[in-house]
Amino acid sequence: MNIELYDLLTLDNDIKYIVASIIEHNKIKYYFLCEEKDPKKSMFCYLEDSKLVKVDDEKLIHLLSLKIAKELFSK
């Protein structure tokens, strides 16, 4: 599975998500997904065996959020 920035993905819950950012951490690509109809609802995921897995680790979510912020401010 090849996921690119701004792709529109429909997950198992039949909700459409937009790939808002892609961050690499410890050689793993993490995808920041926002619901298409409600962008305030978001999540981080990564690919495992061609399936997206939601990140639940709060420390990792915080770290990935900081990396996104750093990337945005450096532009």
Protein backbone atom coordinates (compact mmCIF):
# COMPACT_ATOMS: atom_id res chain seq x y z
CA MET A 1 0.00 0.00 0.00
CA ASN A 2 1.36 3.38 -1.01
CA ILE A 3 -0.01 6.31 0.99
CA GLU A 4 0.72 9.87 -0.07
CA LEU A 5 0.09 13.26 1.48
CA TYR A 6 -3.53 14.45 0.96
CA ASP A 7 -4.77 10.99 -0.03
CA LEU A 8 -8.37 10.26 0.94
CA LEU A 9 -8.68 6.95 2.80
CA THR A 10 -11.81 5.10 3.88
CA LEU A 11 -11.12 3.03 6.97
CA ASP A 12 -12.96 -0.02 8.31
CA ASN A 13 -15.38 2.27 10.17
CA ASP A 14 -16.52 3.65 6.75
CA ILE A 15 -15.31 7.14 7.68
CA LYS A 16 -13.16 9.02 5.19
CA TYR A 17 -9.85 10.47 6.40
CA ILE A 18 -7.40 12.83 4.72
CA VAL A 19 -3.66 12.22 5.11
CA ALA A 20 -2.69 15.59 6.57
CA SER A 21 0.94 14.82 7.34
CA ILE A 22 3.52 12.06 7.12
CA ILE A 23 6.20 11.92 9.80
CA GLU A 24 9.08 9.47 10.08
CA HIS A 25 10.21 8.41 13.54
CA ASN A 26 12.56 5.52 14.35
CA LYS A 27 12.45 4.45 10.68
CA ILE A 28 8.64 4.10 10.77
CA LYS A 29 6.33 6.31 8.71
CA TYR A 30 3.42 7.67 10.73
CA TYR A 31 0.38 9.13 9.04
CA PHE A 32 -1.61 11.94 10.64
CA LEU A 33 -5.20 11.42 9.52
CA CYS A 34 -8.07 13.89 9.89
CA GLU A 35 -11.72 13.05 9.33
CA GLU A 36 -12.92 14.55 6.07
CA LYS A 37 -16.19 15.86 7.55
CA ASP A 38 -14.77 16.82 10.96
CA PRO A 39 -11.04 17.68 10.78
CA LYS A 40 -10.90 18.16 14.56
CA LYS A 41 -11.17 14.37 14.83
CA SER A 42 -7.75 13.01 14.04
CA MET A 43 -5.38 10.13 14.69
CA PHE A 44 -1.90 8.84 14.01
CA CYS A 45 -1.45 5.51 12.23
CA TYR A 46 1.32 3.43 10.73
CA LEU A 47 1.38 0.58 8.22
CA GLU A 48 1.81 -2.97 9.39
CA ASP A 49 1.32 -5.81 6.91
CA SER A 50 -0.44 -3.41 4.50
CA LYS A 51 -2.97 -2.39 7.16
CA LEU A 52 -3.19 0.87 9.05
CA VAL A 53 -2.75 0.55 12.80
CA LYS A 54 -3.89 3.34 15.10
CA VAL A 55 -1.32 4.73 17.55
CA ASP A 56 -2.67 4.71 21.11
CA ASP A 57 0.54 5.52 23.02
CA GLU A 58 0.02 9.06 24.37
CA LYS A 59 3.76 9.77 24.65
CA LEU A 60 4.31 8.79 21.03
CA ILE A 61 1.30 10.87 19.91
CA HIS A 62 2.74 13.87 21.76
CA LEU A 63 6.17 13.36 20.18
CA LEU A 64 4.72 13.01 16.68
CA SER A 65 2.62 16.14 17.21
CA LEU A 66 5.74 18.08 18.17
CA LYS A 67 7.53 16.82 15.05
CA ILE A 68 4.65 18.03 12.87
CA ALA A 69 4.71 21.43 14.57
CA LYS A 70 8.48 21.71 14.10
CA GLU A 71 8.12 20.83 10.42
CA LEU A 72 5.37 23.44 9.92
CA PHE A 73 7.30 26.20 11.64
CA SER A 74 10.46 25.48 9.66
CA LYS A 75 8.69 26.20 6.35
